[in-house]
Amino acid sequence: MPDGHGLRRCKCGNFYLLRELVTISESDTADAPRPVYVKPEDLPSAIASARNSEIELAARLDYWQHLNHPYRDQYRAHRDTEEAATQAAWETANPDQRTWWQRFRNAKRAPEYLPSPDRPVTYPSFDPSDEQRANMLSLLRLLGTGDYPQRYAFEIAELQRELGQFYEATQSLKAINMEDAGFAGKLLAELIEGKEAAPVRYRL
């Protein structure tokens, strides 16, 4: 997901989008305030006071990402524990003086204890809070209006997946050009097919 959706806060307290800014003059000495990023704790206020759907959308998208942050900490802890158990099992089954990595590199086949199709990477359970669920449902309602279904087809499918609406997410995938979606689209389709609701981090 992109890092931020252009939401900013004015010195007067109002919220706006960067694309709404208009250049009225250019000067190196202009005493114009710099755009201020919206703090996570101010996002509910931005949502409540949004003067149009674009501002509400940006605020809710940012809030969606922010509310998923605690799960990312759970995921990292889960992966550390799982990888430590994998390494310990491998070292118990292969007691010698070389490092675990050296043994892995020199092995003629993948070690029995490394993740494989038979031992897939697992995820901690994802149980969205009432606040998360309410924001995601509001996002889905908002994205069902105007031209948003075409502009945000990927986000719609992802929201439905995180809400456990796997049938609806499968239907929403049909609106996505999977060739253009690349790895992210393939991953989303696999997660929906596997009925995995947890937020997943990936690198392009």
N, C-alpha and C. Protein backbone atom coordinates (compact mmCIF):
# COMPACT_ATOMS: atom_id res chain seq x y z
N MET A 1 0.84 -1.19 0.00
CA MET A 1 0.00 0.00 0.00
C MET A 1 0.88 1.24 0.00
N PRO A 2 0.43 2.32 -0.64
CA PRO A 2 1.23 3.55 -0.64
C PRO A 2 1.35 4.13 0.75
N ASP A 3 2.42 4.88 0.97
CA ASP A 3 2.67 5.51 2.26
C ASP A 3 1.97 6.85 2.31
N GLY A 4 0.72 6.87 2.75
CA GLY A 4 -0.04 8.10 2.81
C GLY A 4 -0.83 8.35 1.55
N HIS A 5 -1.91 9.12 1.68
CA HIS A 5 -2.81 9.38 0.55
C HIS A 5 -3.01 10.86 0.32
N GLY A 6 -2.01 11.66 0.69
CA GLY A 6 -2.04 13.08 0.39
C GLY A 6 -2.82 13.93 1.36
N LEU A 7 -3.21 13.36 2.51
CA LEU A 7 -3.99 14.13 3.49
C LEU A 7 -3.05 15.00 4.32
N ARG A 8 -3.41 16.27 4.46
CA ARG A 8 -2.61 17.21 5.25
C ARG A 8 -3.53 18.07 6.10
N ARG A 9 -2.93 18.77 7.10
CA ARG A 9 -3.70 19.63 7.98
C ARG A 9 -3.18 21.06 7.90
N CYS A 10 -4.09 22.01 7.77
CA CYS A 10 -3.73 23.41 7.69
C CYS A 10 -3.52 23.98 9.09
N LYS A 11 -2.81 25.10 9.17
CA LYS A 11 -2.62 25.77 10.45
C LYS A 11 -3.94 26.17 11.09
N CYS A 12 -4.95 26.38 10.26
CA CYS A 12 -6.26 26.76 10.78
C CYS A 12 -7.01 25.58 11.38
N GLY A 13 -6.48 24.36 11.18
CA GLY A 13 -7.12 23.17 11.74
C GLY A 13 -7.89 22.35 10.74
N ASN A 14 -8.15 22.90 9.55
CA ASN A 14 -8.89 22.16 8.53
C ASN A 14 -7.98 21.16 7.82
N PHE A 15 -8.61 20.14 7.23
CA PHE A 15 -7.88 19.10 6.52
C PHE A 15 -8.07 19.30 5.01
N TYR A 16 -7.04 18.95 4.25
CA TYR A 16 -7.10 19.09 2.80
C TYR A 16 -6.20 18.05 2.15
N LEU A 17 -6.27 17.95 0.83
CA LEU A 17 -5.44 17.04 0.06
C LEU A 17 -4.38 17.83 -0.71
N LEU A 18 -3.21 17.27 -0.86
CA LEU A 18 -2.14 17.96 -1.56
C LEU A 18 -2.55 18.37 -2.98
N ARG A 19 -3.36 17.51 -3.63
CA ARG A 19 -3.73 17.82 -5.01
C ARG A 19 -4.72 18.99 -5.10
N GLU A 20 -5.24 19.43 -3.94
CA GLU A 20 -6.13 20.58 -3.94
C GLU A 20 -5.37 21.90 -3.93
N LEU A 21 -4.09 21.85 -3.63
CA LEU A 21 -3.30 23.08 -3.55
C LEU A 21 -3.18 23.74 -4.92
N VAL A 22 -3.20 25.05 -4.92
CA VAL A 22 -3.10 25.84 -6.14
C VAL A 22 -1.93 26.79 -5.99
N THR A 23 -1.07 26.85 -6.99
CA THR A 23 0.06 27.78 -6.97
C THR A 23 -0.43 29.17 -7.38
N ILE A 24 -0.28 30.13 -6.48
CA ILE A 24 -0.69 31.50 -6.83
C ILE A 24 0.52 32.39 -7.09
N SER A 25 1.69 32.00 -6.60
CA SER A 25 2.92 32.72 -6.90
C SER A 25 4.09 31.86 -6.48
N GLU A 26 5.25 32.20 -6.95
CA GLU A 26 6.45 31.46 -6.58
C GLU A 26 7.49 32.44 -6.07
N SER A 27 8.06 32.13 -4.91
CA SER A 27 9.07 33.00 -4.32
C SER A 27 9.88 32.22 -3.31
N ASP A 28 11.17 32.41 -3.31
CA ASP A 28 12.03 31.73 -2.34
C ASP A 28 11.78 32.24 -0.93
N THR A 29 11.21 33.43 -0.82
CA THR A 29 11.02 34.02 0.50
C THR A 29 9.55 34.02 0.93
N ALA A 30 8.73 33.29 0.21
CA ALA A 30 7.31 33.26 0.55
C ALA A 30 7.11 32.71 1.96
N ASP A 31 6.27 33.38 2.73
CA ASP A 31 6.03 32.98 4.11
C ASP A 31 4.79 32.09 4.18
N ALA A 32 4.79 31.05 3.37
CA ALA A 32 3.64 30.14 3.33
C ALA A 32 3.93 28.94 4.21
N PRO A 33 2.94 28.48 4.96
CA PRO A 33 3.17 27.32 5.83
C PRO A 33 3.39 26.05 5.02
N ARG A 34 4.27 25.20 5.50
CA ARG A 34 4.49 23.92 4.84
C ARG A 34 3.36 22.97 5.17
N PRO A 35 3.03 22.08 4.22
CA PRO A 35 1.99 21.08 4.51
C PRO A 35 2.38 20.24 5.73
N VAL A 36 1.43 20.01 6.61
CA VAL A 36 1.68 19.26 7.84
C VAL A 36 1.01 17.89 7.73
N TYR A 37 1.80 16.85 7.96
CA TYR A 37 1.23 15.50 7.96
C TYR A 37 0.20 15.36 9.08
N VAL A 38 -0.81 14.57 8.84
CA VAL A 38 -1.86 14.35 9.83
C VAL A 38 -1.42 13.23 10.76
N LYS A 39 -1.44 13.51 12.06
CA LYS A 39 -1.06 12.51 13.04
C LYS A 39 -2.13 11.42 13.12
N PRO A 40 -1.73 10.18 13.40
CA PRO A 40 -2.72 9.09 13.48
C PRO A 40 -3.88 9.40 14.41
N GLU A 41 -3.59 10.03 15.56
CA GLU A 41 -4.66 10.31 16.52
C GLU A 41 -5.64 11.37 16.02
N ASP A 42 -5.26 12.10 14.95
CA ASP A 42 -6.15 13.12 14.39
C ASP A 42 -6.99 12.60 13.23
N LEU A 43 -6.75 11.36 12.82
CA LEU A 43 -7.49 10.82 11.68
C LEU A 43 -9.00 10.71 11.94
N PRO A 44 -9.45 10.28 13.13
CA PRO A 44 -10.90 10.27 13.36
C PRO A 44 -11.52 11.66 13.20
N SER A 45 -10.82 12.70 13.62
CA SER A 45 -11.32 14.07 13.45
C SER A 45 -11.38 14.43 11.97
N ALA A 46 -10.37 14.00 11.21
CA ALA A 46 -10.36 14.27 9.76
C ALA A 46 -11.54 13.59 9.09
N ILE A 47 -11.85 12.38 9.53
CA ILE A 47 -12.99 11.65 8.96
C ILE A 47 -14.30 12.35 9.29
N ALA A 48 -14.45 12.72 10.56
CA ALA A 48 -15.71 13.33 11.01
C ALA A 48 -15.95 14.69 10.37
N SER A 49 -14.87 15.43 10.10
CA SER A 49 -15.04 16.80 9.57
C SER A 49 -14.81 16.88 8.07
N ALA A 50 -14.65 15.75 7.40
CA ALA A 50 -14.36 15.76 5.96
C ALA A 50 -15.42 16.53 5.20
N ARG A 51 -14.98 17.50 4.36
CA ARG A 51 -15.93 18.32 3.61
C ARG A 51 -16.26 17.73 2.25
N ASN A 52 -15.60 16.62 1.87
CA ASN A 52 -15.96 15.91 0.65
C ASN A 52 -15.51 14.46 0.76
N SER A 53 -15.97 13.64 -0.18
CA SER A 53 -15.69 12.20 -0.11
C SER A 53 -14.22 11.89 -0.33
N GLU A 54 -13.51 12.73 -1.09
CA GLU A 54 -12.09 12.46 -1.35
C GLU A 54 -11.27 12.60 -0.07
N ILE A 55 -11.58 13.60 0.74
CA ILE A 55 -10.86 13.77 2.00
C ILE A 55 -11.21 12.64 2.97
N GLU A 56 -12.49 12.28 3.04
CA GLU A 56 -12.88 11.16 3.89
C GLU A 56 -12.19 9.88 3.45
N LEU A 57 -12.12 9.66 2.14
CA LEU A 57 -11.47 8.47 1.62
C LEU A 57 -10.00 8.41 2.01
N ALA A 58 -9.29 9.52 1.81
CA ALA A 58 -7.87 9.56 2.16
C ALA A 58 -7.67 9.30 3.65
N ALA A 59 -8.52 9.91 4.48
CA ALA A 59 -8.40 9.74 5.93
C ALA A 59 -8.70 8.31 6.34
N ARG A 60 -9.72 7.72 5.74
CA ARG A 60 -10.07 6.34 6.11
C ARG A 60 -9.01 5.35 5.62
N LEU A 61 -8.43 5.58 4.46
CA LEU A 61 -7.36 4.71 3.97
C LEU A 61 -6.15 4.78 4.89
N ASP A 62 -5.79 6.00 5.29
CA ASP A 62 -4.68 6.16 6.24
C ASP A 62 -5.00 5.48 7.57
N TYR A 63 -6.24 5.63 8.01
CA TYR A 63 -6.65 5.04 9.29
C TYR A 63 -6.64 3.52 9.21
N TRP A 64 -7.04 2.98 8.10
CA TRP A 64 -7.01 1.53 7.86
C TRP A 64 -5.58 1.01 8.05
N GLN A 65 -4.62 1.68 7.42
CA GLN A 65 -3.23 1.27 7.55
C GLN A 65 -2.74 1.42 8.99
N HIS A 66 -3.09 2.53 9.62
CA HIS A 66 -2.64 2.78 10.99
C HIS A 66 -3.17 1.71 11.95
N LEU A 67 -4.43 1.35 11.82
CA LEU A 67 -5.02 0.37 12.74
C LEU A 67 -4.46 -1.03 12.52
N ASN A 68 -3.83 -1.28 11.37
CA ASN A 68 -3.21 -2.58 11.11
C ASN A 68 -1.82 -2.69 11.71
N HIS A 69 -1.23 -1.57 12.14
CA HIS A 69 0.14 -1.59 12.65
C HIS A 69 0.34 -2.57 13.82
N PRO A 70 -0.55 -2.62 14.82
CA PRO A 70 -0.32 -3.57 15.92
C PRO A 70 -0.21 -5.02 15.44
N TYR A 71 -0.97 -5.37 14.41
CA TYR A 71 -0.86 -6.75 13.90
C TYR A 71 0.52 -7.00 13.32
N ARG A 72 1.12 -5.99 12.70
CA ARG A 72 2.45 -6.18 12.13
C ARG A 72 3.46 -6.56 13.21
N ASP A 73 3.32 -5.99 14.40
CA ASP A 73 4.19 -6.36 15.51
C ASP A 73 3.95 -7.82 15.91
N GLN A 74 2.69 -8.24 15.94
CA GLN A 74 2.37 -9.63 16.24
C GLN A 74 2.99 -10.56 15.20
N TYR A 75 2.89 -10.14 13.94
CA TYR A 75 3.40 -10.97 12.85
C TYR A 75 4.92 -11.14 12.97
N ARG A 76 5.65 -10.04 13.24
CA ARG A 76 7.10 -10.14 13.37
C ARG A 76 7.49 -11.06 14.53
N ALA A 77 6.78 -10.95 15.65
CA ALA A 77 7.06 -11.82 16.79
C ALA A 77 6.77 -13.28 16.45
N HIS A 78 5.68 -13.52 15.75
CA HIS A 78 5.31 -14.87 15.33
C HIS A 78 6.37 -15.46 14.40
N ARG A 79 6.82 -14.66 13.43
CA ARG A 79 7.83 -15.15 12.49
C ARG A 79 9.15 -15.42 13.21
N ASP A 80 9.55 -14.57 14.14
CA ASP A 80 10.79 -14.80 14.89
C ASP A 80 10.71 -16.11 15.66
N THR A 81 9.56 -16.35 16.29
CA THR A 81 9.39 -17.59 17.06
C THR A 81 9.42 -18.81 16.14
N GLU A 82 8.74 -18.71 15.01
CA GLU A 82 8.69 -19.84 14.07
C GLU A 82 10.06 -20.14 13.48
N GLU A 83 10.80 -19.08 13.11
CA GLU A 83 12.12 -19.29 12.54
C GLU A 83 13.11 -19.83 13.56
N ALA A 84 12.97 -19.39 14.82
CA ALA A 84 13.84 -19.91 15.87
C ALA A 84 13.57 -21.40 16.09
N ALA A 85 12.31 -21.80 16.06
CA ALA A 85 11.97 -23.21 16.22
C ALA A 85 12.49 -24.02 15.05
N THR A 86 12.39 -23.48 13.84
CA THR A 86 12.90 -24.16 12.65
C THR A 86 14.41 -24.38 12.76
N GLN A 87 15.12 -23.34 13.16
CA GLN A 87 16.57 -23.44 13.29
C GLN A 87 16.95 -24.43 14.39
N ALA A 88 16.25 -24.38 15.53
CA ALA A 88 16.56 -25.29 16.63
C ALA A 88 16.33 -26.74 16.22
N ALA A 89 15.24 -27.00 15.51
CA ALA A 89 14.95 -28.36 15.05
C ALA A 89 16.01 -28.85 14.09
N TRP A 90 16.45 -27.97 13.20
CA TRP A 90 17.49 -28.33 12.23
C TRP A 90 18.80 -28.64 12.96
N GLU A 91 19.16 -27.83 13.94
CA GLU A 91 20.42 -28.04 14.66
C GLU A 91 20.37 -29.33 15.48
N THR A 92 19.20 -29.66 16.03
CA THR A 92 19.05 -30.90 16.78
C THR A 92 19.21 -32.11 15.87
N ALA A 93 18.67 -32.01 14.66
CA ALA A 93 18.74 -33.13 13.72
C ALA A 93 20.09 -33.22 13.01
N ASN A 94 20.88 -32.15 13.06
CA ASN A 94 22.15 -32.11 12.35
C ASN A 94 23.25 -31.54 13.25
N PRO A 95 23.62 -32.28 14.28
CA PRO A 95 24.63 -31.76 15.22
C PRO A 95 26.05 -31.83 14.65
N ASP A 96 26.59 -30.73 14.20
CA ASP A 96 27.99 -30.64 13.83
C ASP A 96 28.48 -29.24 14.11
N GLN A 97 29.71 -28.93 13.75
CA GLN A 97 30.32 -27.68 14.16
C GLN A 97 30.09 -26.53 13.18
N ARG A 98 29.55 -26.82 12.01
CA ARG A 98 29.32 -25.74 11.06
C ARG A 98 28.10 -24.92 11.46
N THR A 99 28.03 -23.70 10.97
CA THR A 99 26.88 -22.87 11.27
C THR A 99 25.65 -23.43 10.56
N TRP A 100 24.50 -23.05 11.07
CA TRP A 100 23.24 -23.50 10.45
C TRP A 100 23.18 -23.09 8.97
N TRP A 101 23.62 -21.87 8.66
CA TRP A 101 23.56 -21.39 7.28
C TRP A 101 24.51 -22.17 6.38
N GLN A 102 25.71 -22.48 6.89
CA GLN A 102 26.66 -23.26 6.10
C GLN A 102 26.10 -24.64 5.81
N ARG A 103 25.47 -25.25 6.78
CA ARG A 103 24.90 -26.58 6.56
C ARG A 103 23.77 -26.52 5.55
N PHE A 104 22.98 -25.46 5.65
CA PHE A 104 21.87 -25.33 4.70
C PHE A 104 22.39 -25.18 3.27
N ARG A 105 23.41 -24.34 3.09
CA ARG A 105 23.96 -24.11 1.75
C ARG A 105 24.60 -25.36 1.18
N ASN A 106 25.17 -26.20 2.04
CA ASN A 106 25.86 -27.40 1.57
C ASN A 106 24.95 -28.62 1.46
N ALA A 107 23.72 -28.47 1.93
CA ALA A 107 22.80 -29.60 1.88
C ALA A 107 22.45 -29.96 0.44
N LYS A 108 22.30 -31.26 0.16
CA LYS A 108 21.95 -31.70 -1.19
C LYS A 108 20.47 -31.49 -1.47
N ARG A 109 19.70 -31.35 -0.43
CA ARG A 109 18.27 -31.09 -0.59
C ARG A 109 17.83 -30.14 0.51
N ALA A 110 16.66 -29.55 0.34
CA ALA A 110 16.17 -28.62 1.36
C ALA A 110 16.01 -29.34 2.68
N PRO A 111 16.54 -28.79 3.77
CA PRO A 111 16.40 -29.45 5.08
C PRO A 111 14.93 -29.68 5.42
N GLU A 112 14.70 -30.76 6.11
CA GLU A 112 13.34 -31.15 6.43
C GLU A 112 12.61 -30.08 7.22
N TYR A 113 13.36 -29.28 8.00
CA TYR A 113 12.72 -28.35 8.93
C TYR A 113 12.57 -26.94 8.37
N LEU A 114 13.05 -26.70 7.14
CA LEU A 114 12.87 -25.38 6.56
C LEU A 114 11.48 -25.26 5.97
N PRO A 115 10.92 -24.03 5.90
CA PRO A 115 9.60 -23.87 5.28
C PRO A 115 9.62 -24.42 3.86
N SER A 116 8.58 -25.11 3.48
CA SER A 116 8.46 -25.74 2.17
C SER A 116 6.98 -25.83 1.85
N PRO A 117 6.62 -26.34 0.66
CA PRO A 117 5.19 -26.52 0.37
C PRO A 117 4.48 -27.35 1.44
N ASP A 118 5.24 -28.26 2.10
CA ASP A 118 4.64 -29.07 3.16
C ASP A 118 4.65 -28.36 4.51
N ARG A 119 5.52 -27.33 4.63
CA ARG A 119 5.60 -26.53 5.85
C ARG A 119 5.51 -25.06 5.47
N PRO A 120 4.33 -24.59 5.06
CA PRO A 120 4.20 -23.20 4.58
C PRO A 120 4.39 -22.20 5.71
N VAL A 121 4.71 -20.98 5.33
CA VAL A 121 4.80 -19.89 6.30
C VAL A 121 3.42 -19.68 6.91
N THR A 122 3.36 -19.54 8.21
CA THR A 122 2.08 -19.37 8.88
C THR A 122 1.95 -17.94 9.41
N TYR A 123 0.74 -17.58 9.78
CA TYR A 123 0.45 -16.23 10.26
C TYR A 123 -0.27 -16.32 11.59
N PRO A 124 -0.04 -15.35 12.47
CA PRO A 124 -0.85 -15.31 13.71
C PRO A 124 -2.29 -14.96 13.35
N SER A 125 -3.22 -15.35 14.20
CA SER A 125 -4.63 -15.08 13.91
C SER A 125 -4.87 -13.57 13.85
N PHE A 126 -5.75 -13.19 12.96
CA PHE A 126 -6.09 -11.78 12.78
C PHE A 126 -7.52 -11.57 13.21
N ASP A 127 -7.69 -10.82 14.30
CA ASP A 127 -9.02 -10.53 14.83
C ASP A 127 -9.19 -9.02 14.89
N PRO A 128 -9.73 -8.42 13.83
CA PRO A 128 -9.86 -6.95 13.82
C PRO A 128 -10.74 -6.46 14.96
N SER A 129 -10.34 -5.33 15.53
CA SER A 129 -11.12 -4.73 16.60
C SER A 129 -12.42 -4.14 16.05
N ASP A 130 -13.32 -3.77 16.93
CA ASP A 130 -14.57 -3.14 16.49
C ASP A 130 -14.26 -1.86 15.70
N GLU A 131 -13.24 -1.13 16.15
CA GLU A 131 -12.85 0.10 15.47
C GLU A 131 -12.34 -0.18 14.06
N GLN A 132 -11.51 -1.21 13.93
CA GLN A 132 -11.01 -1.59 12.61
C GLN A 132 -12.15 -2.01 11.70
N ARG A 133 -13.01 -2.88 12.23
CA ARG A 133 -14.11 -3.40 11.42
C ARG A 133 -15.04 -2.27 10.96
N ALA A 134 -15.35 -1.34 11.87
CA ALA A 134 -16.24 -0.24 11.51
C ALA A 134 -15.62 0.62 10.42
N ASN A 135 -14.32 0.89 10.52
CA ASN A 135 -13.67 1.71 9.51
C ASN A 135 -13.62 0.99 8.16
N MET A 136 -13.31 -0.30 8.17
CA MET A 136 -13.26 -1.05 6.92
C MET A 136 -14.63 -1.14 6.25
N LEU A 137 -15.68 -1.34 7.05
CA LEU A 137 -17.02 -1.39 6.48
C LEU A 137 -17.43 -0.04 5.90
N SER A 138 -17.08 1.04 6.60
CA SER A 138 -17.37 2.38 6.08
C SER A 138 -16.59 2.65 4.80
N LEU A 139 -15.35 2.17 4.75
CA LEU A 139 -14.54 2.31 3.54
C LEU A 139 -15.20 1.59 2.37
N LEU A 140 -15.67 0.38 2.61
CA LEU A 140 -16.32 -0.38 1.54
C LEU A 140 -17.56 0.33 1.02
N ARG A 141 -18.36 0.89 1.95
CA ARG A 141 -19.55 1.62 1.52
C ARG A 141 -19.16 2.83 0.67
N LEU A 142 -18.13 3.55 1.11
CA LEU A 142 -17.68 4.72 0.37
C LEU A 142 -17.13 4.34 -0.99
N LEU A 143 -16.37 3.25 -1.06
CA LEU A 143 -15.76 2.81 -2.32
C LEU A 143 -16.77 2.20 -3.27
N GLY A 144 -17.99 2.00 -2.80
CA GLY A 144 -19.03 1.49 -3.68
C GLY A 144 -19.77 2.58 -4.42
N THR A 145 -19.35 3.84 -4.24
CA THR A 145 -20.04 4.97 -4.87
C THR A 145 -19.20 5.58 -5.99
N GLY A 146 -19.88 6.33 -6.86
CA GLY A 146 -19.20 7.07 -7.93
C GLY A 146 -18.32 6.19 -8.79
N ASP A 147 -17.13 6.69 -9.11
CA ASP A 147 -16.20 5.91 -9.94
C ASP A 147 -15.17 5.16 -9.10
N TYR A 148 -15.39 5.13 -7.78
CA TYR A 148 -14.44 4.46 -6.90
C TYR A 148 -14.29 2.96 -7.19
N PRO A 149 -15.38 2.24 -7.55
CA PRO A 149 -15.20 0.80 -7.81
C PRO A 149 -14.16 0.52 -8.89
N GLN A 150 -14.06 1.39 -9.88
CA GLN A 150 -13.05 1.20 -10.92
C GLN A 150 -11.68 1.65 -10.46
N ARG A 151 -11.62 2.75 -9.72
CA ARG A 151 -10.34 3.31 -9.29
C ARG A 151 -9.71 2.52 -8.16
N TYR A 152 -10.53 1.87 -7.34
CA TYR A 152 -10.02 1.21 -6.15
C TYR A 152 -10.44 -0.26 -6.07
N ALA A 153 -10.44 -0.93 -7.21
CA ALA A 153 -10.85 -2.34 -7.23
C ALA A 153 -9.95 -3.21 -6.35
N PHE A 154 -8.65 -2.94 -6.37
CA PHE A 154 -7.72 -3.72 -5.56
C PHE A 154 -8.00 -3.53 -4.07
N GLU A 155 -8.20 -2.28 -3.65
CA GLU A 155 -8.46 -2.00 -2.24
C GLU A 155 -9.77 -2.62 -1.78
N ILE A 156 -10.77 -2.64 -2.66
CA ILE A 156 -12.05 -3.24 -2.31
C ILE A 156 -11.89 -4.73 -2.02
N ALA A 157 -11.18 -5.43 -2.91
CA ALA A 157 -10.94 -6.86 -2.70
C ALA A 157 -10.12 -7.10 -1.44
N GLU A 158 -9.15 -6.25 -1.18
CA GLU A 158 -8.31 -6.41 0.01
C GLU A 158 -9.12 -6.17 1.29
N LEU A 159 -9.98 -5.16 1.29
CA LEU A 159 -10.83 -4.91 2.45
C LEU A 159 -11.76 -6.09 2.72
N GLN A 160 -12.36 -6.61 1.67
CA GLN A 160 -13.25 -7.76 1.83
C GLN A 160 -12.49 -8.97 2.36
N ARG A 161 -11.26 -9.14 1.90
CA ARG A 161 -10.44 -10.25 2.40
C ARG A 161 -10.18 -10.10 3.90
N GLU A 162 -9.77 -8.91 4.34
CA GLU A 162 -9.46 -8.70 5.75
C GLU A 162 -10.71 -8.81 6.63
N LEU A 163 -11.88 -8.58 6.05
CA LEU A 163 -13.13 -8.72 6.78
C LEU A 163 -13.64 -10.16 6.75
N GLY A 164 -12.93 -11.03 6.05
CA GLY A 164 -13.35 -12.42 5.94
C GLY A 164 -14.45 -12.65 4.93
N GLN A 165 -14.69 -11.68 4.06
CA GLN A 165 -15.72 -11.80 3.02
C GLN A 165 -15.07 -12.38 1.75
N PHE A 166 -14.70 -13.65 1.83
CA PHE A 166 -13.89 -14.24 0.77
C PHE A 166 -14.65 -14.42 -0.55
N TYR A 167 -15.94 -14.74 -0.46
CA TYR A 167 -16.72 -14.87 -1.70
C TYR A 167 -16.80 -13.52 -2.40
N GLU A 168 -17.12 -12.47 -1.64
CA GLU A 168 -17.20 -11.13 -2.22
C GLU A 168 -15.85 -10.69 -2.78
N ALA A 169 -14.77 -11.03 -2.07
CA ALA A 169 -13.43 -10.67 -2.54
C ALA A 169 -13.10 -11.38 -3.85
N THR A 170 -13.52 -12.64 -3.97
CA THR A 170 -13.30 -13.39 -5.21
C THR A 170 -14.03 -12.72 -6.37
N GLN A 171 -15.25 -12.26 -6.12
CA GLN A 171 -16.01 -11.57 -7.16
C GLN A 171 -15.35 -10.24 -7.53
N SER A 172 -14.81 -9.54 -6.53
CA SER A 172 -14.17 -8.25 -6.79
C SER A 172 -12.89 -8.40 -7.61
N LEU A 173 -12.24 -9.56 -7.51
CA LEU A 173 -11.02 -9.79 -8.28
C LEU A 173 -11.29 -9.71 -9.79
N LYS A 174 -12.53 -9.98 -10.17
CA LYS A 174 -12.87 -9.98 -11.59
C LYS A 174 -12.77 -8.58 -12.19
N ALA A 175 -12.81 -7.55 -11.34
CA ALA A 175 -12.70 -6.17 -11.83
C ALA A 175 -11.25 -5.72 -11.93
N ILE A 176 -10.31 -6.61 -11.56
CA ILE A 176 -8.89 -6.25 -11.56
C ILE A 176 -8.21 -6.87 -12.76
N ASN A 177 -7.43 -6.09 -13.48
CA ASN A 177 -6.59 -6.62 -14.56
C ASN A 177 -5.39 -7.28 -13.90
N MET A 178 -5.41 -8.61 -13.82
CA MET A 178 -4.38 -9.32 -13.08
C MET A 178 -3.00 -9.19 -13.72
N GLU A 179 -2.95 -8.97 -15.03
CA GLU A 179 -1.66 -8.78 -15.67
C GLU A 179 -1.02 -7.48 -15.21
N ASP A 180 -1.83 -6.43 -15.09
CA ASP A 180 -1.30 -5.15 -14.60
C ASP A 180 -1.02 -5.20 -13.10
N ALA A 181 -1.75 -6.02 -12.36
CA ALA A 181 -1.59 -6.08 -10.91
C ALA A 181 -0.28 -6.73 -10.51
N GLY A 182 0.30 -7.57 -11.37
CA GLY A 182 1.59 -8.17 -11.11
C GLY A 182 1.61 -9.06 -9.88
N PHE A 183 2.74 -8.99 -9.14
CA PHE A 183 2.92 -9.85 -7.97
C PHE A 183 1.87 -9.58 -6.91
N ALA A 184 1.54 -8.30 -6.70
CA ALA A 184 0.56 -7.95 -5.67
C ALA A 184 -0.79 -8.59 -5.96
N GLY A 185 -1.20 -8.59 -7.23
CA GLY A 185 -2.46 -9.20 -7.60
C GLY A 185 -2.45 -10.71 -7.41
N LYS A 186 -1.33 -11.34 -7.77
CA LYS A 186 -1.21 -12.78 -7.60
C LYS A 186 -1.26 -13.16 -6.13
N LEU A 187 -0.55 -12.39 -5.30
CA LEU A 187 -0.55 -12.65 -3.87
C LEU A 187 -1.94 -12.49 -3.29
N LEU A 188 -2.64 -11.42 -3.67
CA LEU A 188 -4.00 -11.19 -3.17
C LEU A 188 -4.90 -12.36 -3.54
N ALA A 189 -4.81 -12.83 -4.79
CA ALA A 189 -5.65 -13.95 -5.23
C ALA A 189 -5.35 -15.21 -4.43
N GLU A 190 -4.07 -15.46 -4.15
CA GLU A 190 -3.69 -16.65 -3.38
C GLU A 190 -4.20 -16.55 -1.94
N LEU A 191 -4.13 -15.37 -1.34
CA LEU A 191 -4.60 -15.20 0.03
C LEU A 191 -6.11 -15.38 0.11
N ILE A 192 -6.82 -14.87 -0.88
CA ILE A 192 -8.28 -15.03 -0.90
C ILE A 192 -8.64 -16.49 -1.08
N GLU A 193 -7.96 -17.16 -2.00
CA GLU A 193 -8.23 -18.58 -2.23
C GLU A 193 -7.95 -19.41 -0.97
N GLY A 194 -6.90 -19.03 -0.23
CA GLY A 194 -6.56 -19.75 0.99
C GLY A 194 -7.35 -19.29 2.20
N LYS A 195 -8.29 -18.36 1.99
CA LYS A 195 -9.13 -17.83 3.08
C LYS A 195 -8.27 -17.30 4.23
N GLU A 196 -7.25 -16.54 3.87
CA GLU A 196 -6.37 -15.91 4.83
C GLU A 196 -6.73 -14.44 4.94
N ALA A 197 -7.16 -14.00 6.12
CA ALA A 197 -7.64 -12.63 6.30
C ALA A 197 -6.57 -11.67 6.81
N ALA A 198 -5.45 -12.18 7.26
CA ALA A 198 -4.44 -11.34 7.92
C ALA A 198 -3.80 -10.36 6.95
N PRO A 199 -3.50 -9.12 7.41
CA PRO A 199 -2.73 -8.19 6.60
C PRO A 199 -1.36 -8.80 6.30
N VAL A 200 -0.91 -8.68 5.07
CA VAL A 200 0.36 -9.28 4.66
C VAL A 200 1.25 -8.23 4.07
N ARG A 201 2.49 -8.20 4.50
CA ARG A 201 3.47 -7.25 3.96
C ARG A 201 4.20 -7.91 2.79
N TYR A 202 4.42 -7.16 1.75
CA TYR A 202 5.20 -7.67 0.63
C TYR A 202 6.08 -6.58 0.09
N ARG A 203 7.15 -6.98 -0.60
CA ARG A 203 8.07 -6.03 -1.21
C ARG A 203 8.00 -6.17 -2.72
N LEU A 204 7.92 -5.02 -3.40
CA LEU A 204 7.87 -5.03 -4.86
C LEU A 204 9.23 -5.35 -5.44
